[in-house]
């Protein structure tokens, strides 16, 4: 068992963020599966089990929590999420570090509160549902789909609105362009495929804007 306190204490000091989540205990495999899905679909991450939300180490309560994690990863994540476990000690309290890699081959789904399998992503320290455009963009880029854009008045108005109202959400953009949801979906996807438009995800929802040059 590892006992390098400095490492685990430094992790805890950083708090919860995009790639780190604290769990005082693991009592619901389905709920944990949503976090595993979100980490897998975003940038990967780690769970620190036995740490309260305020960063106070409490220690894991029993080995049953490891079984709950394994159930979350193997039974409630599709596809299964591989986990790497490391145990640490802080003042005699056992903290379990659980590392999750980003899945580059598939989007991982997990049951939502209604037991329907959905794709989750990580935004700051929250797990949120991925929208259809995020999923379609991921799938199309995975397939290497080519795009042939006809630059008509609609495409011109689309770019002008993104430039003027950046960032803007789907409903606002549709209202300004006066086009169908299907047409707007396709416009966004096409321009995302050629790296002109980017999806911006915040706690307030999904927004779109012109991608800034590096």
C-alpha atoms as a PDB file:
ATOM      1  CA  UNK A   1       0.000   0.000   0.000  1.00  0.00           C
ATOM      2  CA  UNK A   2       1.293   3.461  -0.885  1.00  0.00           C
ATOM      3  CA  UNK A   3       1.760   6.059   1.837  1.00  0.00           C
ATOM      4  CA  UNK A   4       3.052   9.113  -0.053  1.00  0.00           C
ATOM      5  CA  UNK A   5       0.837  11.599   1.752  1.00  0.00           C
ATOM      6  CA  UNK A   6       2.164  14.599  -0.124  1.00  0.00           C
ATOM      7  CA  UNK A   7       0.805  13.347  -3.444  1.00  0.00           C
ATOM      8  CA  UNK A   8      -2.742  12.621  -2.294  1.00  0.00           C
ATOM      9  CA  UNK A   9      -2.917  15.722  -0.113  1.00  0.00           C
ATOM     10  CA  UNK A  10      -1.932  17.900  -3.068  1.00  0.00           C
ATOM     11  CA  UNK A  11      -4.664  16.304  -5.153  1.00  0.00           C
ATOM     12  CA  UNK A  12      -7.267  17.027  -2.482  1.00  0.00           C
ATOM     13  CA  UNK A  13      -6.069  20.619  -2.105  1.00  0.00           C
ATOM     14  CA  UNK A  14      -6.929  21.232  -5.774  1.00  0.00           C
ATOM     15  CA  UNK A  15     -10.592  20.535  -5.053  1.00  0.00           C
ATOM     16  CA  UNK A  16     -13.167  19.226  -7.487  1.00  0.00           C
ATOM     17  CA  UNK A  17     -12.730  20.271 -11.102  1.00  0.00           C
ATOM     18  CA  UNK A  18     -12.987  19.078 -14.703  1.00  0.00           C
ATOM     19  CA  UNK A  19     -10.954  15.925 -14.116  1.00  0.00           C
ATOM     20  CA  UNK A  20     -11.427  15.306 -10.396  1.00  0.00           C
ATOM     21  CA  UNK A  21     -14.417  14.414  -8.226  1.00  0.00           C
ATOM     22  CA  UNK A  22     -14.707  13.726  -4.487  1.00  0.00           C
ATOM     23  CA  UNK A  23     -16.995  11.023  -3.124  1.00  0.00           C
ATOM     24  CA  UNK A  24     -17.580  10.624   0.604  1.00  0.00           C
ATOM     25  CA  UNK A  25     -18.988   7.180  -0.117  1.00  0.00           C
ATOM     26  CA  UNK A  26     -20.165   5.002  -2.987  1.00  0.00           C
ATOM     27  CA  UNK A  27     -23.746   3.925  -2.353  1.00  0.00           C
ATOM     28  CA  UNK A  28     -25.309   4.101  -5.823  1.00  0.00           C
ATOM     29  CA  UNK A  29     -23.587   2.322  -8.721  1.00  0.00           C
ATOM     30  CA  UNK A  30     -25.820   3.945 -11.335  1.00  0.00           C
ATOM     31  CA  UNK A  31     -25.012   7.445 -10.095  1.00  0.00           C
ATOM     32  CA  UNK A  32     -21.282   6.704 -10.095  1.00  0.00           C
ATOM     33  CA  UNK A  33     -21.640   5.287 -13.620  1.00  0.00           C
ATOM     34  CA  UNK A  34     -22.700   8.754 -14.802  1.00  0.00           C
ATOM     35  CA  UNK A  35     -19.432  10.211 -13.515  1.00  0.00           C
ATOM     36  CA  UNK A  36     -17.443   7.423 -15.178  1.00  0.00           C
ATOM     37  CA  UNK A  37     -19.307   8.100 -18.430  1.00  0.00           C
ATOM     38  CA  UNK A  38     -18.613  11.843 -18.185  1.00  0.00           C
ATOM     39  CA  UNK A  39     -14.892  11.351 -17.542  1.00  0.00           C
ATOM     40  CA  UNK A  40     -14.620   8.789 -20.354  1.00  0.00           C
ATOM     41  CA  UNK A  41     -16.326  11.083 -22.861  1.00  0.00           C
ATOM     42  CA  UNK A  42     -14.390  14.231 -21.987  1.00  0.00           C
ATOM     43  CA  UNK A  43     -10.778  14.313 -20.808  1.00  0.00           C
ATOM     44  CA  UNK A  44     -10.610  11.382 -18.425  1.00  0.00           C
ATOM     45  CA  UNK A  45     -10.317  11.996 -14.697  1.00  0.00           C
ATOM     46  CA  UNK A  46     -10.132  10.596 -11.209  1.00  0.00           C
ATOM     47  CA  UNK A  47     -12.458   9.887  -8.319  1.00  0.00           C
ATOM     48  CA  UNK A  48     -11.178  10.263  -4.772  1.00  0.00           C
ATOM     49  CA  UNK A  49     -13.327   7.981  -2.641  1.00  0.00           C
ATOM     50  CA  UNK A  50     -13.455   8.709   1.078  1.00  0.00           C
ATOM     51  CA  UNK A  51     -13.171  12.490   0.675  1.00  0.00           C
ATOM     52  CA  UNK A  52     -16.033  14.825   1.583  1.00  0.00           C
ATOM     53  CA  UNK A  53     -17.217  17.542  -0.809  1.00  0.00           C
ATOM     54  CA  UNK A  54     -15.384  20.148   1.279  1.00  0.00           C
ATOM     55  CA  UNK A  55     -12.096  18.272   0.850  1.00  0.00           C
ATOM     56  CA  UNK A  56     -11.955  16.719   4.323  1.00  0.00           C
ATOM     57  CA  UNK A  57     -10.571  13.145   4.232  1.00  0.00           C
ATOM     58  CA  UNK A  58     -13.003  10.735   5.883  1.00  0.00           C
ATOM     59  CA  UNK A  59     -11.717   7.396   4.622  1.00  0.00           C
ATOM     60  CA  UNK A  60     -13.618   4.697   2.773  1.00  0.00           C
ATOM     61  CA  UNK A  61     -16.088   2.860   4.954  1.00  0.00           C
ATOM     62  CA  UNK A  62     -15.827  -0.679   3.581  1.00  0.00           C
ATOM     63  CA  UNK A  63     -14.534  -2.761   0.697  1.00  0.00           C
ATOM     64  CA  UNK A  64     -18.147  -2.947  -0.495  1.00  0.00           C
ATOM     65  CA  UNK A  65     -17.544   0.451  -2.087  1.00  0.00           C
ATOM     66  CA  UNK A  66     -15.017  -1.138  -4.453  1.00  0.00           C
ATOM     67  CA  UNK A  67     -17.667  -3.667  -5.492  1.00  0.00           C
ATOM     68  CA  UNK A  68     -20.082  -0.791  -6.134  1.00  0.00           C
ATOM     69  CA  UNK A  69     -17.474   0.894  -8.339  1.00  0.00           C
ATOM     70  CA  UNK A  70     -16.887  -2.301 -10.279  1.00  0.00           C
ATOM     71  CA  UNK A  71     -20.631  -2.689 -10.792  1.00  0.00           C
ATOM     72  CA  UNK A  72     -20.821   0.895 -12.050  1.00  0.00           C
ATOM     73  CA  UNK A  73     -17.980   0.368 -14.520  1.00  0.00           C
ATOM     74  CA  UNK A  74     -18.880  -3.124 -15.711  1.00  0.00           C
ATOM     75  CA  UNK A  75     -22.675  -3.347 -15.453  1.00  0.00           C
ATOM     76  CA  UNK A  76     -23.914   0.216 -15.870  1.00  0.00           C
ATOM     77  CA  UNK A  77     -21.448   1.698 -18.363  1.00  0.00           C
ATOM     78  CA  UNK A  78     -21.786   0.842 -22.051  1.00  0.00           C
ATOM     79  CA  UNK A  79     -19.141   0.032 -23.136  1.00  0.00           C
ATOM     80  CA  UNK A  80     -17.419  -1.027 -19.925  1.00  0.00           C
ATOM     81  CA  UNK A  81     -15.031   1.498 -18.366  1.00  0.00           C
ATOM     82  CA  UNK A  82     -11.615   0.196 -17.207  1.00  0.00           C
ATOM     83  CA  UNK A  83     -10.611   1.529 -13.784  1.00  0.00           C
ATOM     84  CA  UNK A  84      -7.219   1.857 -12.122  1.00  0.00           C
ATOM     85  CA  UNK A  85      -7.230   1.743  -8.306  1.00  0.00           C
ATOM     86  CA  UNK A  86      -4.623   3.137  -5.907  1.00  0.00           C
ATOM     87  CA  UNK A  87      -4.986   3.196  -2.124  1.00  0.00           C
ATOM     88  CA  UNK A  88      -3.523   6.034  -0.040  1.00  0.00           C
ATOM     89  CA  UNK A  89      -3.370   6.763   3.678  1.00  0.00           C
ATOM     90  CA  UNK A  90      -4.008  10.111   5.363  1.00  0.00           C
ATOM     91  CA  UNK A  91      -3.830  10.058   9.163  1.00  0.00           C
ATOM     92  CA  UNK A  92      -4.803   6.399   9.216  1.00  0.00           C
ATOM     93  CA  UNK A  93      -7.728   6.917   6.837  1.00  0.00           C
ATOM     94  CA  UNK A  94      -7.786   5.005   3.578  1.00  0.00           C
ATOM     95  CA  UNK A  95      -8.471   7.079   0.461  1.00  0.00           C
ATOM     96  CA  UNK A  96      -9.153   5.290  -2.805  1.00  0.00           C
ATOM     97  CA  UNK A  97      -7.979   6.965  -6.005  1.00  0.00           C
ATOM     98  CA  UNK A  98      -9.855   5.712  -9.068  1.00  0.00           C
ATOM     99  CA  UNK A  99      -8.454   6.777 -12.439  1.00  0.00           C
ATOM    100  CA  UNK A 100     -10.506   6.824 -15.642  1.00  0.00           C
ATOM    101  CA  UNK A 101      -8.969   7.258 -19.097  1.00  0.00           C
ATOM    102  CA  UNK A 102     -10.648   9.086 -21.949  1.00  0.00           C
ATOM    103  CA  UNK A 103     -12.277   6.636 -24.347  1.00  0.00           C
ATOM    104  CA  UNK A 104     -11.148   7.570 -27.859  1.00  0.00           C
ATOM    105  CA  UNK A 105     -12.958   4.698 -29.560  1.00  0.00           C
ATOM    106  CA  UNK A 106     -16.543   5.023 -28.323  1.00  0.00           C
ATOM    107  CA  UNK A 107     -18.887   7.264 -26.371  1.00  0.00           C
ATOM    108  CA  UNK A 108     -19.779   5.736 -23.015  1.00  0.00           C
ATOM    109  CA  UNK A 109     -23.401   5.826 -21.879  1.00  0.00           C
ATOM    110  CA  UNK A 110     -24.869   5.317 -18.405  1.00  0.00           C
ATOM    111  CA  UNK A 111     -28.400   5.237 -16.953  1.00  0.00           C
ATOM    112  CA  UNK A 112     -29.981   8.592 -16.149  1.00  0.00           C
ATOM    113  CA  UNK A 113     -32.460   9.102 -13.297  1.00  0.00           C
ATOM    114  CA  UNK A 114     -35.128   7.365 -15.384  1.00  0.00           C
ATOM    115  CA  UNK A 115     -32.855   4.380 -16.124  1.00  0.00           C
ATOM    116  CA  UNK A 116     -32.496   5.425 -19.764  1.00  0.00           C
ATOM    117  CA  UNK A 117     -28.967   5.122 -21.114  1.00  0.00           C
ATOM    118  CA  UNK A 118     -27.544   8.517 -22.055  1.00  0.00           C
ATOM    119  CA  UNK A 119     -24.145   9.987 -22.888  1.00  0.00           C
ATOM    120  CA  UNK A 120     -22.698  12.256 -20.194  1.00  0.00           C
ATOM    121  CA  UNK A 121     -19.862  14.765 -20.399  1.00  0.00           C
ATOM    122  CA  UNK A 122     -17.868  16.656 -17.803  1.00  0.00           C
ATOM    123  CA  UNK A 123     -18.149  20.450 -17.526  1.00  0.00           C
ATOM    124  CA  UNK A 124     -16.032  21.954 -14.741  1.00  0.00           C
ATOM    125  CA  UNK A 125     -17.077  19.833 -11.730  1.00  0.00           C
ATOM    126  CA  UNK A 126     -20.475  18.749 -13.072  1.00  0.00           C
ATOM    127  CA  UNK A 127     -21.713  15.798 -15.133  1.00  0.00           C
ATOM    128  CA  UNK A 128     -24.207  16.911 -17.782  1.00  0.00           C
ATOM    129  CA  UNK A 129     -26.072  15.223 -20.618  1.00  0.00           C
ATOM    130  CA  UNK A 130     -24.421  15.463 -24.013  1.00  0.00           C
ATOM    131  CA  UNK A 131     -26.680  17.029 -26.619  1.00  0.00           C
ATOM    132  CA  UNK A 132     -27.369  15.580 -30.051  1.00  0.00           C
ATOM    133  CA  UNK A 133     -24.920  17.868 -31.830  1.00  0.00           C
ATOM    134  CA  UNK A 134     -22.060  16.827 -29.532  1.00  0.00           C
ATOM    135  CA  UNK A 135     -22.814  13.155 -30.208  1.00  0.00           C
ATOM    136  CA  UNK A 136     -23.246  13.562 -33.975  1.00  0.00           C
ATOM    137  CA  UNK A 137     -20.072  15.650 -34.261  1.00  0.00           C
ATOM    138  CA  UNK A 138     -18.091  12.988 -32.370  1.00  0.00           C
ATOM    139  CA  UNK A 139     -19.492  10.179 -34.518  1.00  0.00           C
ATOM    140  CA  UNK A 140     -18.925  11.973 -37.814  1.00  0.00           C
ATOM    141  CA  UNK A 141     -15.353  12.940 -36.968  1.00  0.00           C
ATOM    142  CA  UNK A 142     -14.699   9.339 -35.917  1.00  0.00           C
ATOM    143  CA  UNK A 143     -15.902   8.188 -39.346  1.00  0.00           C
ATOM    144  CA  UNK A 144     -13.883  10.887 -41.114  1.00  0.00           C
ATOM    145  CA  UNK A 145     -16.896  12.295 -42.956  1.00  0.00           C
ATOM    146  CA  UNK A 146     -16.067  14.855 -45.644  1.00  0.00           C
ATOM    147  CA  UNK A 147     -18.079  18.068 -45.986  1.00  0.00           C
ATOM    148  CA  UNK A 148     -19.086  19.978 -49.102  1.00  0.00           C
ATOM    149  CA  UNK A 149     -20.621  23.315 -48.084  1.00  0.00           C
ATOM    150  CA  UNK A 150     -22.595  25.443 -50.520  1.00  0.00           C
ATOM    151  CA  UNK A 151     -22.189  29.055 -49.382  1.00  0.00           C
ATOM    152  CA  UNK A 152     -25.693  30.406 -49.963  1.00  0.00           C
ATOM    153  CA  UNK A 153     -27.518  33.250 -48.218  1.00  0.00           C
ATOM    154  CA  UNK A 154     -28.437  30.897 -45.350  1.00  0.00           C
ATOM    155  CA  UNK A 155     -24.807  29.951 -44.686  1.00  0.00           C
ATOM    156  CA  UNK A 156     -23.804  33.613 -44.909  1.00  0.00           C
ATOM    157  CA  UNK A 157     -26.493  34.648 -42.404  1.00  0.00           C
ATOM    158  CA  UNK A 158     -25.470  31.764 -40.138  1.00  0.00           C
ATOM    159  CA  UNK A 159     -21.850  32.934 -39.985  1.00  0.00           C
ATOM    160  CA  UNK A 160     -22.834  36.593 -39.598  1.00  0.00           C
ATOM    161  CA  UNK A 161     -25.080  35.794 -36.620  1.00  0.00           C
ATOM    162  CA  UNK A 162     -22.398  33.698 -34.943  1.00  0.00           C
ATOM    163  CA  UNK A 163     -19.931  36.530 -35.429  1.00  0.00           C
ATOM    164  CA  UNK A 164     -22.316  39.154 -34.061  1.00  0.00           C
ATOM    165  CA  UNK A 165     -23.922  37.263 -31.164  1.00  0.00           C
ATOM    166  CA  UNK A 166     -21.073  34.911 -30.164  1.00  0.00           C
ATOM    167  CA  UNK A 167     -21.765  32.817 -28.150  1.00  0.00           C
ATOM    168  CA  UNK A 168     -25.394  32.006 -28.936  1.00  0.00           C
ATOM    169  CA  UNK A 169     -27.586  29.032 -28.095  1.00  0.00           C
ATOM    170  CA  UNK A 170     -29.562  26.862 -30.502  1.00  0.00           C
ATOM    171  CA  UNK A 171     -33.004  28.381 -29.943  1.00  0.00           C
ATOM    172  CA  UNK A 172     -31.717  31.957 -30.238  1.00  0.00           C
ATOM    173  CA  UNK A 173     -29.874  31.124 -33.437  1.00  0.00           C
ATOM    174  CA  UNK A 174     -32.858  29.333 -34.943  1.00  0.00           C
ATOM    175  CA  UNK A 175     -35.129  32.285 -34.114  1.00  0.00           C
ATOM    176  CA  UNK A 176     -32.807  34.694 -35.911  1.00  0.00           C
ATOM    177  CA  UNK A 177     -32.308  32.508 -38.973  1.00  0.00           C
ATOM    178  CA  UNK A 178     -35.944  31.323 -39.193  1.00  0.00           C
ATOM    179  CA  UNK A 179     -35.012  27.811 -40.326  1.00  0.00           C
ATOM    180  CA  UNK A 180     -35.988  24.307 -39.207  1.00  0.00           C
ATOM    181  CA  UNK A 181     -34.150  22.563 -36.344  1.00  0.00           C
ATOM    182  CA  UNK A 182     -32.912  19.908 -38.797  1.00  0.00           C
ATOM    183  CA  UNK A 183     -31.416  22.537 -41.108  1.00  0.00           C
ATOM    184  CA  UNK A 184     -29.726  24.350 -38.229  1.00  0.00           C
ATOM    185  CA  UNK A 185     -28.361  21.056 -36.888  1.00  0.00           C
ATOM    186  CA  UNK A 186     -26.806  20.348 -40.269  1.00  0.00           C
ATOM    187  CA  UNK A 187     -25.340  23.846 -40.581  1.00  0.00           C
ATOM    188  CA  UNK A 188     -23.705  23.619 -37.163  1.00  0.00           C
ATOM    189  CA  UNK A 189     -22.340  20.129 -37.819  1.00  0.00           C
ATOM    190  CA  UNK A 190     -20.956  21.026 -41.248  1.00  0.00           C
ATOM    191  CA  UNK A 191     -19.115  24.086 -39.979  1.00  0.00           C
ATOM    192  CA  UNK A 192     -17.882  22.228 -36.894  1.00  0.00           C
ATOM    193  CA  UNK A 193     -16.443  19.546 -39.176  1.00  0.00           C
ATOM    194  CA  UNK A 194     -14.252  22.133 -40.928  1.00  0.00           C
ATOM    195  CA  UNK A 195     -13.286  23.816 -37.629  1.00  0.00           C
ATOM    196  CA  UNK A 196     -15.033  27.128 -38.277  1.00  0.00           C
ATOM    197  CA  UNK A 197     -17.701  26.729 -35.586  1.00  0.00           C
ATOM    198  CA  UNK A 198     -17.111  25.428 -32.077  1.00  0.00           C
ATOM    199  CA  UNK A 199     -19.407  24.079 -29.405  1.00  0.00           C
ATOM    200  CA  UNK A 200     -19.076  25.810 -26.033  1.00  0.00           C
ATOM    201  CA  UNK A 201     -20.491  23.917 -23.061  1.00  0.00           C
ATOM    202  CA  UNK A 202     -21.152  25.681 -19.758  1.00  0.00           C
ATOM    203  CA  UNK A 203     -23.281  25.053 -16.677  1.00  0.00           C
ATOM    204  CA  UNK A 204     -25.950  27.182 -18.401  1.00  0.00           C
ATOM    205  CA  UNK A 205     -26.127  24.975 -21.477  1.00  0.00           C
ATOM    206  CA  UNK A 206     -24.795  24.601 -25.004  1.00  0.00           C
ATOM    207  CA  UNK A 207     -23.647  27.583 -27.036  1.00  0.00           C
ATOM    208  CA  UNK A 208     -22.100  28.058 -30.464  1.00  0.00           C
ATOM    209  CA  UNK A 209     -19.578  30.506 -31.826  1.00  0.00           C
ATOM    210  CA  UNK A 210     -16.874  31.010 -34.399  1.00  0.00           C
ATOM    211  CA  UNK A 211     -13.709  29.152 -33.531  1.00  0.00           C
ATOM    212  CA  UNK A 212     -10.859  31.460 -32.636  1.00  0.00           C
ATOM    213  CA  UNK A 213      -7.643  31.097 -34.584  1.00  0.00           C
ATOM    214  CA  UNK A 214      -4.684  29.647 -32.682  1.00  0.00           C
END
